[in-house]
Amino acid sequence: MKRLLLPLLCLACASLSSGALAQTTTEAAKADGKAFGRDKAADAQGAATTEPDANRIPNFGSVPSQSGYFDDPDWIAREAASQATANTGYRTMRDSMDRRAQFAPQDLDAVVARSNIISDDPLSYTSGMSISGSQSRCVPLPPGSGTAARYMATCNVGYTATQETRSCAIPLRAAARTVTDYLYYCPRFDPECTIYDLPYCRRSGSHPGPCLQGYKDGWGFHCTEPGDPIDEYTCSQTVAGQRIIQTSSRIEFSTSRDESQCAGLAADSSCQQDTETCTDSDPVTRIVDGIAVTQPCWAWARSYTCAQFTEAQDCQTLENTSGCSLVREDCLSGEPCRTWERVYDCPVPDQPADTSQFICDGDVYCIDGSCETIEREANDEFKDAVVALNAMDQARREFDPDTLTLFRGTRNTCSSKVFGVLNCCKGKGFPLIPGIQLLVALGCSREEILLHQRDAQGLCAYVGTYCSDSFLGVCLTKKKVYCCFESKLSRILQEQGRQQLNKPWGKPKTEQCLGFTIEEFSRLDLSKMDFSEVYAEFTDAARLPDELQAATEIQQKIEDYYARASQ
């Protein structure tokens, strides 16, 4: 039917289309187009000449309050000024500007004038470097006056636990015995019936009481006033002072689980119960003393995991290492605690010193128009100035505008077996076995290897350790927590800054390595911090690649200058 209707509909549409085309001429189409254009032109002209009406604008409610800015442009500036004092970013900027160093104009003029004098006659200020090319004296840089770099090393003392599985059997004991029952009667509403409220008595039935009044007729006796019903009590023992109505005997079965074989394991504090499974359930119905008894299970097997404790410790290396001192001892598991971690403060093994660092007199350095001649005797305050400048630069680069904090670290963890041979995060004083693939095969994750490498570079601060897997008070696996930073300087600022602020690290399980707030950073006294760990890096970075070559080049430039001036 559908196949027949479809061609018919198509024929009908074709007929209508051909008829419409036949009725529309070219002239009619042109006239229709001109009329359409005149209508649209009239609409456009009317819109351009009609007075604007707010009611004709879609979604327009009323004149916005900001329209007043057209009549009073200074209004915007006044509103901005009134709200600026409450803006956190504006206050931070203003505080920084208020604390910025101020220089008097005459001081700046004096610096510029001094620079011009040196530029006019540089040879007079080279401190012994003559035009003839004679070499001035070079002085070796002094060694750092601070202490050597240190790190937190850990070891373990306590017990190891070897586990073994033990099991015991629990049979079901069934026994039959003859029980004598005693039947007693008591009127239902008699208060003395409470005497049968005993553990070995139960109300087993009832029957009507004696008739108090009635009559007889040809159909028999009719009771018109029945007495109180009589409750029947059956007791497995006699009730003193009560008349026994009847005695009867019955066979009673009792079942009990015999757990005597498991008593020793259950009482052992070093054992924990694991599972209990049915080991004898077929058949479920058995003949006991000639009587069929049905039970879903007739015996069980119970398993226990028991531990054997052995004293252990791996702290001999740290105890015998010169310079290592015990800081604290932390319990790694609950009560009773059987595993402790000892934390030692140790020096990083000495690195070979670079004796080729010198600073030479005769060099003139100019910065922003201010020129200085290097003293013949090396200045031991140079390292402190460099550290302070780098600290400010590090603060600028690590400032988080969203939280207004500086020197935020990242939380990193490393897991290891207590008293295990492989330790993927011993500390910067213990280099790892080379070969990432080998370490991964032995059990270290790539994240743990990266953590150790960053810690060896001095980028990570040790927070603490917590036990991640324990058994009966013995910690089996521990997790060490570190806060790692973008630079060694950031790590030192965090470690020593927290001491100044009395802001210790949080618990290892929850520490998130948050940065300092602007207020906290403003309270830090960098002059009281020990940056000796980074002095060598800064002085090495500031040292010229070849001081003697640089001095020769300066001499040549001076000679060339006077040669051109004399021409």
Protein backbone atom coordinates (compact mmCIF):
# COMPACT_ATOMS: atom_id res chain seq x y z
CA MET A 1 0.00 0.00 0.00
CA LYS A 2 2.90 2.39 0.89
CA ARG A 3 4.58 1.71 -2.44
CA LEU A 4 1.36 2.72 -4.26
CA LEU A 5 0.74 5.95 -2.30
CA LEU A 6 4.28 7.33 -2.77
CA PRO A 7 4.12 7.65 -6.61
CA LEU A 8 0.64 9.16 -6.38
CA LEU A 9 1.82 11.87 -3.97
CA CYS A 10 4.77 12.70 -6.19
CA LEU A 11 2.50 13.08 -9.23
CA ALA A 12 0.22 15.40 -7.28
CA CYS A 13 3.11 17.61 -6.19
CA ALA A 14 4.41 17.81 -9.75
CA SER A 15 0.99 18.86 -11.01
CA LEU A 16 0.70 21.66 -8.46
CA SER A 17 4.23 22.90 -9.15
CA SER A 18 3.73 23.03 -12.90
CA GLY A 19 0.46 24.91 -12.48
CA ALA A 20 1.99 27.54 -10.18
CA LEU A 21 4.88 28.11 -12.55
CA ALA A 22 2.50 28.51 -15.39
CA GLN A 23 0.58 31.25 -13.58
CA THR A 24 3.73 33.34 -12.57
CA THR A 25 5.25 35.54 -15.30
CA THR A 26 8.55 37.41 -15.42
CA GLU A 27 6.87 40.81 -15.20
CA ALA A 28 4.88 39.73 -12.17
CA ALA A 29 8.02 38.57 -10.42
CA LYS A 30 9.75 41.93 -11.07
CA ALA A 31 6.77 43.86 -9.78
CA ASP A 32 6.69 41.72 -6.65
CA GLY A 33 10.41 42.33 -6.01
CA LYS A 34 10.05 46.12 -6.43
CA ALA A 35 7.15 46.19 -4.00
CA PHE A 36 9.17 44.23 -1.44
CA GLY A 37 12.08 46.65 -1.80
CA ARG A 38 9.87 49.74 -1.38
CA ASP A 39 8.42 48.26 1.83
CA LYS A 40 11.86 47.60 3.34
CA ALA A 41 13.14 51.04 2.33
CA ALA A 42 10.16 52.67 3.99
CA ASP A 43 10.82 50.66 7.16
CA ALA A 44 14.47 51.74 7.22
CA GLN A 45 13.58 55.40 6.63
CA GLY A 46 10.99 55.29 9.39
CA ALA A 47 13.47 53.77 11.85
CA ALA A 48 16.01 56.51 11.05
CA THR A 49 13.59 59.39 11.47
CA THR A 50 11.53 58.15 14.40
CA GLU A 51 12.35 59.48 17.86
CA PRO A 52 14.13 56.73 19.92
CA ASP A 53 11.82 54.97 22.34
CA ALA A 54 13.19 52.88 25.22
CA ASN A 55 10.09 50.70 25.15
CA ARG A 56 11.04 49.51 21.67
CA ILE A 57 14.48 48.22 22.81
CA PRO A 58 14.38 44.50 23.73
CA ASN A 59 15.27 43.63 27.36
CA PHE A 60 15.75 47.31 28.28
CA GLY A 61 14.57 48.00 31.83
CA SER A 62 15.70 51.43 32.92
CA VAL A 63 18.55 53.88 32.67
CA PRO A 64 21.66 52.24 34.28
CA SER A 65 23.34 54.01 37.15
CA GLN A 66 26.61 54.11 35.20
CA SER A 67 25.08 56.62 32.75
CA GLY A 68 25.99 59.33 35.24
CA TYR A 69 29.64 58.87 34.18
CA PHE A 70 28.85 60.83 31.00
CA ASP A 71 27.96 63.99 32.96
CA ASP A 72 30.73 63.57 35.56
CA PRO A 73 33.75 61.63 34.18
CA ASP A 74 35.71 62.19 37.43
CA TRP A 75 33.11 60.08 39.22
CA ILE A 76 34.87 56.91 38.00
CA ALA A 77 38.18 58.03 39.52
CA ARG A 78 36.54 58.88 42.87
CA GLU A 79 34.81 55.49 43.08
CA ALA A 80 38.04 53.66 42.19
CA ALA A 81 39.92 55.58 44.89
CA SER A 82 37.30 54.76 47.54
CA GLN A 83 37.41 51.03 46.76
CA ALA A 84 41.17 50.75 46.30
CA THR A 85 41.94 50.85 50.03
CA ALA A 86 39.84 47.71 50.60
CA ASN A 87 41.45 45.76 47.73
CA THR A 88 44.04 43.16 48.85
CA GLY A 89 46.22 43.51 45.75
CA TYR A 90 46.24 47.33 45.99
CA ARG A 91 47.21 47.23 49.68
CA THR A 92 50.04 44.82 48.94
CA MET A 93 51.36 47.08 46.17
CA ARG A 94 51.14 50.20 48.34
CA ASP A 95 52.89 48.49 51.27
CA SER A 96 55.71 47.46 48.95
CA MET A 97 56.02 51.01 47.58
CA ASP A 98 56.05 52.51 51.07
CA ARG A 99 58.88 50.21 52.17
CA ARG A 100 60.92 50.78 48.99
CA ALA A 101 64.25 52.56 49.46
CA GLN A 102 64.22 56.29 48.71
CA PHE A 103 67.22 58.23 47.34
CA ALA A 104 67.69 61.97 47.44
CA PRO A 105 68.21 63.70 44.04
CA GLN A 106 71.56 65.11 45.16
CA ASP A 107 72.81 61.58 45.97
CA LEU A 108 71.90 60.40 42.49
CA ASP A 109 73.63 63.40 40.94
CA ALA A 110 76.76 62.65 42.94
CA VAL A 111 76.86 59.03 41.74
CA VAL A 112 76.45 60.10 38.11
CA ALA A 113 79.18 62.75 38.47
CA ARG A 114 81.54 60.21 40.01
CA SER A 115 80.91 57.83 37.13
CA ASN A 116 81.66 60.57 34.60
CA ILE A 117 84.99 61.34 36.30
CA ILE A 118 86.04 57.66 36.10
CA SER A 119 85.00 57.49 32.45
CA ASP A 120 87.15 60.55 31.62
CA ASP A 121 90.32 59.02 33.12
CA PRO A 122 89.85 55.22 33.64
CA LEU A 123 93.60 54.50 33.89
CA SER A 124 93.85 56.40 37.17
CA TYR A 125 91.35 54.01 38.78
CA THR A 126 92.60 50.58 37.65
CA SER A 127 94.49 50.05 40.92
CA GLY A 128 97.84 48.97 39.56
CA MET A 129 96.86 47.91 36.04
CA SER A 130 99.13 49.98 33.82
CA ILE A 131 98.89 50.79 30.14
CA SER A 132 102.03 48.79 29.57
CA GLY A 133 100.16 45.58 30.20
CA SER A 134 101.66 44.63 33.57
CA GLN A 135 99.52 42.13 35.45
CA SER A 136 97.89 43.10 38.71
CA ARG A 137 97.70 40.80 41.74
CA CYS A 138 94.98 38.08 42.06
CA VAL A 139 93.78 36.93 45.47
CA PRO A 140 92.18 33.50 46.02
CA LEU A 141 88.62 33.57 47.31
CA PRO A 142 88.33 32.73 51.02
CA PRO A 143 86.61 29.50 52.08
CA GLY A 144 83.07 29.65 53.40
CA SER A 145 82.84 30.58 57.07
CA GLY A 146 79.60 28.64 57.72
CA THR A 147 79.07 25.02 58.59
CA ALA A 148 78.97 22.24 56.01
CA ALA A 149 75.72 21.08 54.48
CA ARG A 150 73.76 18.64 56.64
CA TYR A 151 70.85 16.29 56.22
CA MET A 152 68.50 14.18 58.31
CA ALA A 153 69.37 10.47 58.26
CA THR A 154 67.17 7.76 59.75
CA CYS A 155 67.57 4.21 60.98
CA ASN A 156 65.41 1.67 62.81
CA VAL A 157 65.49 -0.16 66.14
CA GLY A 158 63.03 -2.62 67.62
CA TYR A 159 61.80 -6.00 66.53
CA THR A 160 61.17 -7.93 63.36
CA ALA A 161 58.17 -10.22 63.12
CA THR A 162 58.13 -13.47 61.21
CA GLN A 163 54.63 -14.70 60.47
CA GLU A 164 53.33 -18.24 60.35
CA THR A 165 49.85 -19.70 60.03
CA ARG A 166 48.55 -22.12 62.65
CA SER A 167 45.22 -23.92 62.77
CA CYS A 168 43.07 -25.88 65.17
CA ALA A 169 39.93 -28.06 64.94
CA ILE A 170 36.58 -27.36 66.60
CA PRO A 171 34.30 -30.45 66.67
CA LEU A 172 30.58 -30.30 67.48
CA ARG A 173 29.67 -32.44 70.49
CA ALA A 174 26.12 -33.90 70.62
CA ALA A 175 24.68 -35.82 73.58
CA ALA A 176 21.27 -37.26 74.58
CA ARG A 177 19.91 -37.41 78.13
CA THR A 178 16.64 -38.36 79.79
CA VAL A 179 14.75 -35.42 81.26
CA THR A 180 11.81 -35.73 83.74
CA ASP A 181 9.08 -33.12 83.39
CA TYR A 182 6.75 -32.13 86.25
CA LEU A 183 3.23 -30.82 85.51
CA TYR A 184 1.64 -28.17 87.77
CA TYR A 185 -1.77 -26.43 87.69
CA CYS A 186 -2.44 -22.85 88.75
CA PRO A 187 -5.61 -20.69 88.27
CA ARG A 188 -4.80 -18.02 85.71
CA PHE A 189 -5.70 -15.05 87.83
CA ASP A 190 -4.11 -16.36 91.01
CA PRO A 191 -1.22 -14.04 92.09
CA GLU A 192 0.65 -17.06 93.41
CA CYS A 193 1.19 -18.30 89.85
CA THR A 194 4.28 -16.08 89.70
CA ILE A 195 6.09 -18.84 91.59
CA TYR A 196 6.44 -20.63 88.26
CA ASP A 197 8.40 -17.78 86.70
CA LEU A 198 11.55 -19.90 86.80
CA PRO A 199 14.24 -20.64 84.15
CA TYR A 200 13.29 -24.33 84.12
CA CYS A 201 9.51 -23.82 83.95
CA ARG A 202 7.29 -22.92 81.03
CA ARG A 203 3.55 -22.49 80.49
CA SER A 204 2.71 -25.49 78.35
CA GLY A 205 -1.10 -25.16 78.06
CA SER A 206 -4.40 -24.40 79.79
CA HIS A 207 -7.88 -25.89 80.36
CA PRO A 208 -11.24 -24.59 81.72
CA GLY A 209 -11.64 -24.29 85.46
CA PRO A 210 -14.38 -26.08 87.51
CA CYS A 211 -17.98 -24.87 86.90
CA LEU A 212 -19.32 -22.84 89.78
CA GLN A 213 -23.02 -23.02 88.84
CA GLY A 214 -25.18 -24.81 86.20
CA TYR A 215 -28.17 -27.05 85.49
CA LYS A 216 -29.12 -30.34 83.85
CA ASP A 217 -31.83 -31.07 81.34
CA GLY A 218 -32.59 -33.71 78.79
CA TRP A 219 -29.62 -32.72 76.71
CA GLY A 220 -27.06 -32.77 79.53
CA PHE A 221 -25.35 -30.41 81.99
CA HIS A 222 -25.11 -26.70 81.17
CA CYS A 223 -22.62 -24.46 83.04
CA THR A 224 -23.92 -20.96 83.63
CA GLU A 225 -20.98 -19.70 85.74
CA PRO A 226 -17.59 -21.19 84.69
CA GLY A 227 -14.60 -20.82 87.02
CA ASP A 228 -11.23 -19.23 86.18
CA PRO A 229 -9.23 -21.13 83.51
CA ILE A 230 -6.36 -23.28 84.76
CA ASP A 231 -2.84 -22.71 83.34
CA GLU A 232 -0.58 -25.73 82.97
CA TYR A 233 3.13 -25.38 83.82
CA THR A 234 5.77 -27.93 82.85
CA CYS A 235 9.05 -27.78 84.83
CA SER A 236 12.24 -29.82 84.45
CA GLN A 237 12.76 -29.60 88.20
CA THR A 238 10.40 -29.78 91.14
CA VAL A 239 8.95 -26.59 92.57
CA ALA A 240 9.12 -26.61 96.33
CA GLY A 241 5.73 -26.55 98.10
CA GLN A 242 3.60 -27.18 94.98
CA ARG A 243 1.53 -30.25 94.20
CA ILE A 244 2.75 -32.29 91.27
CA ILE A 245 -0.12 -33.19 88.96
CA GLN A 246 1.80 -35.54 86.67
CA THR A 247 5.36 -36.61 85.76
CA SER A 248 6.66 -37.63 82.33
CA SER A 249 10.01 -38.47 80.75
CA ARG A 250 11.56 -37.33 77.43
CA ILE A 251 14.89 -37.51 75.56
CA GLU A 252 16.71 -34.17 75.19
CA PHE A 253 19.64 -33.47 72.84
CA SER A 254 22.29 -30.81 73.44
CA THR A 255 25.08 -29.62 71.10
CA SER A 256 28.19 -27.60 71.94
CA ARG A 257 31.36 -26.51 70.11
CA ASP A 258 34.48 -28.01 71.67
CA GLU A 259 37.10 -25.19 71.34
CA SER A 260 39.60 -26.71 73.72
CA GLN A 261 42.14 -27.31 70.91
CA CYS A 262 42.10 -23.56 70.07
CA ALA A 263 42.37 -22.26 73.65
CA GLY A 264 46.15 -21.89 73.55
CA LEU A 265 46.19 -19.95 70.27
CA ALA A 266 43.33 -17.70 71.39
CA ALA A 267 45.18 -16.79 74.58
CA ASP A 268 48.47 -16.03 72.75
CA SER A 269 48.76 -12.22 72.30
CA SER A 270 51.10 -12.69 69.33
CA CYS A 271 48.41 -14.51 67.35
CA GLN A 272 45.47 -13.02 65.48
CA GLN A 273 42.47 -15.06 64.34
CA ASP A 274 41.99 -15.05 60.57
CA THR A 275 39.28 -17.37 59.22
CA GLU A 276 37.02 -20.21 60.32
CA THR A 277 35.62 -22.69 57.80
CA CYS A 278 33.34 -25.74 58.05
CA THR A 279 35.23 -28.98 57.44
CA ASP A 280 32.49 -31.60 58.12
CA SER A 281 28.95 -31.07 56.83
CA ASP A 282 28.09 -34.32 55.08
CA PRO A 283 25.76 -35.90 56.09
CA VAL A 284 23.83 -33.21 57.95
CA THR A 285 21.61 -35.79 59.73
CA ARG A 286 23.33 -38.34 62.00
CA ILE A 287 22.23 -40.94 64.57
CA VAL A 288 23.21 -40.04 68.12
CA ASP A 289 22.25 -42.53 70.85
CA GLY A 290 19.73 -44.06 68.49
CA ILE A 291 18.10 -40.68 67.68
CA ALA A 292 18.44 -38.78 64.34
CA VAL A 293 20.06 -35.36 64.86
CA THR A 294 20.34 -32.76 62.05
CA GLN A 295 23.03 -30.01 62.08
CA PRO A 296 24.33 -27.88 59.15
CA CYS A 297 27.98 -28.36 60.24
CA TRP A 298 29.63 -30.89 62.54
CA ALA A 299 33.23 -29.55 62.67
CA TRP A 300 35.23 -26.39 61.85
CA ALA A 301 38.87 -25.43 61.22
CA ARG A 302 40.10 -22.08 62.59
CA SER A 303 43.32 -20.45 61.38
CA TYR A 304 45.56 -17.96 63.23
CA THR A 305 48.44 -15.75 62.05
CA CYS A 306 51.14 -15.80 64.70
CA ALA A 307 54.30 -13.71 64.96
CA GLN A 308 57.73 -14.54 66.23
CA PHE A 309 59.51 -11.39 67.50
CA THR A 310 63.26 -10.94 67.10
CA GLU A 311 65.30 -7.90 68.17
CA ALA A 312 66.83 -5.97 65.27
CA GLN A 313 68.49 -2.62 64.53
CA ASP A 314 70.35 -0.98 61.63
CA CYS A 315 71.75 2.13 63.33
CA GLN A 316 75.39 1.06 63.73
CA THR A 317 76.52 2.97 60.62
CA LEU A 318 75.02 6.27 61.78
CA GLU A 319 76.21 5.77 65.36
CA ASN A 320 79.79 5.34 64.09
CA THR A 321 79.65 8.22 61.59
CA SER A 322 81.62 11.22 62.79
CA GLY A 323 79.51 14.36 63.10
CA CYS A 324 76.15 12.58 63.32
CA SER A 325 74.08 13.39 66.40
CA LEU A 326 70.82 11.79 67.55
CA VAL A 327 67.92 14.25 67.29
CA ARG A 328 64.92 12.20 68.35
CA GLU A 329 63.35 8.75 68.43
CA ASP A 330 59.81 8.26 67.05
CA CYS A 331 57.50 5.30 67.55
CA LEU A 332 56.32 4.01 64.17
CA SER A 333 53.41 1.86 65.37
CA GLY A 334 50.74 1.76 68.05
CA GLU A 335 50.69 0.26 71.50
CA PRO A 336 52.49 -1.85 72.35
CA CYS A 337 55.13 -0.19 70.19
CA ARG A 338 57.77 -2.56 68.89
CA THR A 339 59.41 -0.42 66.17
CA TRP A 340 61.13 2.96 66.54
CA GLU A 341 62.85 5.24 64.05
CA ARG A 342 65.91 7.20 65.13
CA VAL A 343 66.58 10.52 63.39
CA TYR A 344 70.20 11.72 63.14
CA ASP A 345 71.53 15.11 62.03
CA CYS A 346 74.55 14.30 59.84
CA PRO A 347 76.97 16.26 57.64
CA VAL A 348 76.97 15.63 53.93
CA PRO A 349 80.21 13.86 52.92
CA ASP A 350 82.89 16.38 51.92
CA GLN A 351 83.21 17.24 48.24
CA PRO A 352 86.62 18.08 46.66
CA ALA A 353 87.19 21.84 46.85
CA ASP A 354 87.83 23.92 43.74
CA THR A 355 91.06 25.83 44.42
CA SER A 356 91.03 27.70 41.09
CA GLN A 357 88.71 30.51 42.24
CA PHE A 358 90.37 33.94 42.41
CA ILE A 359 89.37 37.55 42.50
CA CYS A 360 91.77 40.07 40.93
CA ASP A 361 92.31 43.74 41.69
CA GLY A 362 92.57 46.25 38.92
CA ASP A 363 89.08 45.54 37.51
CA VAL A 364 86.55 48.34 37.42
CA TYR A 365 82.87 47.33 37.52
CA CYS A 366 80.12 49.80 36.69
CA ILE A 367 76.45 49.13 37.36
CA ASP A 368 73.80 51.71 36.50
CA GLY A 369 76.36 54.50 36.44
CA SER A 370 77.97 53.50 39.77
CA CYS A 371 81.52 52.18 39.39
CA GLU A 372 83.66 50.44 41.99
CA THR A 373 87.21 49.10 42.02
CA ILE A 374 87.67 45.59 43.41
CA GLU A 375 89.73 45.64 46.61
CA ARG A 376 93.02 43.78 46.68
CA GLU A 377 91.85 41.84 49.73
CA ALA A 378 88.83 39.67 49.00
CA ASN A 379 85.68 40.83 50.75
CA ASP A 380 84.11 38.03 52.80
CA GLU A 381 80.78 39.87 52.87
CA PHE A 382 80.30 39.37 49.15
CA LYS A 383 78.67 35.97 49.65
CA ASP A 384 76.08 37.38 52.07
CA ALA A 385 75.12 40.12 49.64
CA VAL A 386 74.78 37.63 46.79
CA VAL A 387 72.61 35.32 48.90
CA ALA A 388 70.35 38.20 49.91
CA LEU A 389 69.93 39.31 46.29
CA ASN A 390 69.18 35.77 45.16
CA ALA A 391 66.68 35.35 48.00
CA MET A 392 64.78 38.41 46.80
CA ASP A 393 64.86 37.17 43.21
CA GLN A 394 63.69 33.71 44.31
CA ALA A 395 60.83 35.30 46.27
CA ARG A 396 59.75 37.23 43.18
CA ARG A 397 59.74 34.12 40.99
CA GLU A 398 57.96 31.87 43.51
CA PHE A 399 55.27 34.34 44.60
CA ASP A 400 51.78 32.87 44.17
CA PRO A 401 49.32 35.72 43.47
CA ASP A 402 46.31 33.48 44.07
CA THR A 403 47.23 32.60 47.68
CA LEU A 404 49.69 35.48 48.35
CA THR A 405 52.33 33.00 49.56
CA LEU A 406 56.01 32.38 48.77
CA PHE A 407 58.27 29.30 48.63
CA ARG A 408 55.52 26.70 48.45
CA GLY A 409 56.85 23.14 48.22
CA THR A 410 55.54 19.86 46.86
CA ARG A 411 54.84 16.83 49.03
CA ASN A 412 56.80 13.69 48.09
CA THR A 413 56.85 10.30 49.80
CA CYS A 414 59.05 7.22 49.67
CA SER A 415 58.13 3.78 51.03
CA SER A 416 60.59 1.21 52.32
CA LYS A 417 60.55 -2.02 54.29
CA VAL A 418 61.68 -1.66 57.89
CA PHE A 419 65.04 -3.45 58.28
CA GLY A 420 64.91 -4.11 54.53
CA VAL A 421 68.00 -4.23 52.33
CA LEU A 422 66.68 -1.88 49.62
CA ASN A 423 66.04 1.70 50.71
CA CYS A 424 65.07 4.02 47.86
CA CYS A 425 65.30 7.21 49.96
CA LYS A 426 68.16 6.95 52.46
CA GLY A 427 69.11 10.59 52.04
CA LYS A 428 71.54 12.83 50.20
CA GLY A 429 74.50 11.22 51.95
CA PHE A 430 73.83 7.81 50.33
CA PRO A 431 74.01 7.67 46.51
CA LEU A 432 71.66 5.23 44.83
CA ILE A 433 72.75 2.27 42.77
CA PRO A 434 73.10 3.55 39.18
CA GLY A 435 70.57 2.35 36.66
CA ILE A 436 66.92 3.32 36.90
CA GLN A 437 65.67 0.09 35.33
CA LEU A 438 67.59 -1.98 37.89
CA LEU A 439 66.17 0.04 40.79
CA VAL A 440 62.65 -0.27 39.42
CA ALA A 441 63.12 -4.02 39.07
CA LEU A 442 64.32 -4.20 42.68
CA GLY A 443 61.22 -2.39 43.94
CA CYS A 444 61.83 1.39 43.73
CA SER A 445 59.27 3.44 41.86
CA ARG A 446 60.32 6.12 39.38
CA GLU A 447 58.83 8.78 41.66
CA GLU A 448 60.99 7.55 44.55
CA ILE A 449 64.12 7.63 42.39
CA LEU A 450 63.32 11.19 41.30
CA LEU A 451 62.76 12.14 44.94
CA HIS A 452 66.17 10.80 45.93
CA GLN A 453 67.83 12.67 43.08
CA ARG A 454 66.17 15.94 44.11
CA ASP A 455 67.09 15.30 47.75
CA ALA A 456 70.72 14.63 46.74
CA GLN A 457 70.72 18.02 45.00
CA GLY A 458 69.66 19.70 48.26
CA LEU A 459 66.13 20.58 47.09
CA CYS A 460 64.14 18.58 49.68
CA ALA A 461 63.53 18.97 53.41
CA TYR A 462 62.82 15.89 55.51
CA VAL A 463 59.48 16.19 57.35
CA GLY A 464 59.14 12.84 59.12
CA THR A 465 58.05 9.22 58.84
CA TYR A 466 54.88 7.32 59.59
CA CYS A 467 54.07 3.61 59.51
CA SER A 468 51.96 2.54 56.52
CA ASP A 469 51.74 -1.20 57.35
CA SER A 470 52.08 -2.86 60.76
CA PHE A 471 51.42 -6.19 62.46
CA LEU A 472 50.96 -6.63 66.22
CA GLY A 473 52.88 -3.43 67.00
CA VAL A 474 55.70 -4.19 64.56
CA CYS A 475 55.97 -1.73 61.67
CA LEU A 476 56.57 -3.63 58.45
CA THR A 477 56.56 -0.74 55.94
CA LYS A 478 57.20 2.93 56.63
CA LYS A 479 56.69 6.02 54.49
CA LYS A 480 59.10 8.95 54.62
CA VAL A 481 57.71 12.40 53.77
CA TYR A 482 59.68 15.25 52.16
CA CYS A 483 58.88 18.80 51.05
CA CYS A 484 60.76 19.60 47.84
CA PHE A 485 61.34 23.11 46.47
CA GLU A 486 62.41 24.84 43.28
CA SER A 487 65.90 25.66 44.57
CA LYS A 488 68.29 24.87 47.41
CA LEU A 489 67.90 28.46 48.60
CA SER A 490 64.12 28.03 48.91
CA ARG A 491 64.63 24.89 50.98
CA ILE A 492 67.05 26.67 53.35
CA LEU A 493 64.66 29.62 53.71
CA GLN A 494 61.83 27.22 54.59
CA GLU A 495 63.85 25.17 57.09
CA GLN A 496 65.47 28.06 58.95
CA GLY A 497 62.52 30.41 58.46
CA ARG A 498 60.20 27.98 60.21
CA GLN A 499 62.57 27.94 63.17
CA GLN A 500 62.46 31.75 63.41
CA LEU A 501 58.65 31.79 63.11
CA ASN A 502 58.22 28.86 65.54
CA LYS A 503 56.27 27.10 62.79
CA PRO A 504 57.41 23.46 62.74
CA TRP A 505 56.41 20.97 60.07
CA GLY A 506 53.05 19.29 60.63
CA LYS A 507 52.46 15.60 61.15
CA PRO A 508 54.05 13.57 58.31
CA LYS A 509 50.71 12.05 57.37
CA THR A 510 49.06 15.46 56.80
CA GLU A 511 51.86 17.98 56.02
CA GLN A 512 51.13 19.76 52.70
CA CYS A 513 54.33 21.91 52.34
CA LEU A 514 52.54 25.28 52.32
CA GLY A 515 54.54 28.45 51.66
CA PHE A 516 55.08 31.56 53.79
CA THR A 517 52.49 34.31 53.79
CA ILE A 518 53.68 37.82 52.96
CA GLU A 519 53.38 38.76 56.64
CA GLU A 520 55.46 35.73 57.70
CA PHE A 521 58.16 36.43 55.11
CA SER A 522 58.42 40.06 56.25
CA ARG A 523 59.26 38.81 59.78
CA LEU A 524 62.24 36.71 58.63
CA ASP A 525 65.74 37.94 59.46
CA LEU A 526 67.97 36.68 56.64
CA SER A 527 71.09 37.95 58.41
CA LYS A 528 70.62 35.28 61.09
CA MET A 529 70.36 32.40 58.61
CA ASP A 530 73.23 30.10 57.66
CA PHE A 531 73.58 30.02 53.85
CA SER A 532 77.02 28.42 53.79
CA GLU A 533 75.56 25.47 51.87
CA VAL A 534 74.98 27.70 48.83
CA TYR A 535 77.99 30.04 49.13
CA ALA A 536 80.19 27.92 46.87
CA GLU A 537 77.53 27.78 44.19
CA PHE A 538 77.05 31.55 44.16
CA THR A 539 80.75 32.41 44.16
CA ASP A 540 81.38 29.88 41.41
CA ALA A 541 78.57 31.41 39.33
CA ALA A 542 79.98 34.92 39.90
CA ARG A 543 83.57 33.97 39.08
CA LEU A 544 84.82 34.91 35.62
CA PRO A 545 85.75 31.92 33.40
CA ASP A 546 89.32 33.14 33.09
CA GLU A 547 90.26 36.12 35.23
CA LEU A 548 93.73 36.53 33.75
CA GLN A 549 92.44 36.50 30.19
CA ALA A 550 89.76 39.03 31.12
CA ALA A 551 92.39 41.32 32.67
CA THR A 552 94.51 41.15 29.49
CA GLU A 553 91.51 42.10 27.38
CA ILE A 554 90.81 45.14 29.63
CA GLN A 555 94.40 46.27 29.27
CA GLN A 556 94.19 46.01 25.52
CA LYS A 557 90.98 48.07 25.43
CA ILE A 558 92.64 50.82 27.51
CA GLU A 559 95.63 50.91 25.18
CA ASP A 560 93.35 51.10 22.16
CA TYR A 561 91.45 53.97 23.78
CA TYR A 562 94.58 56.09 24.28
CA ALA A 563 95.89 55.18 20.86
CA ARG A 564 92.74 56.59 19.24
CA ALA A 565 92.78 59.67 21.52
CA SER A 566 96.34 60.56 20.49
CA GLN A 567 95.55 60.50 16.76
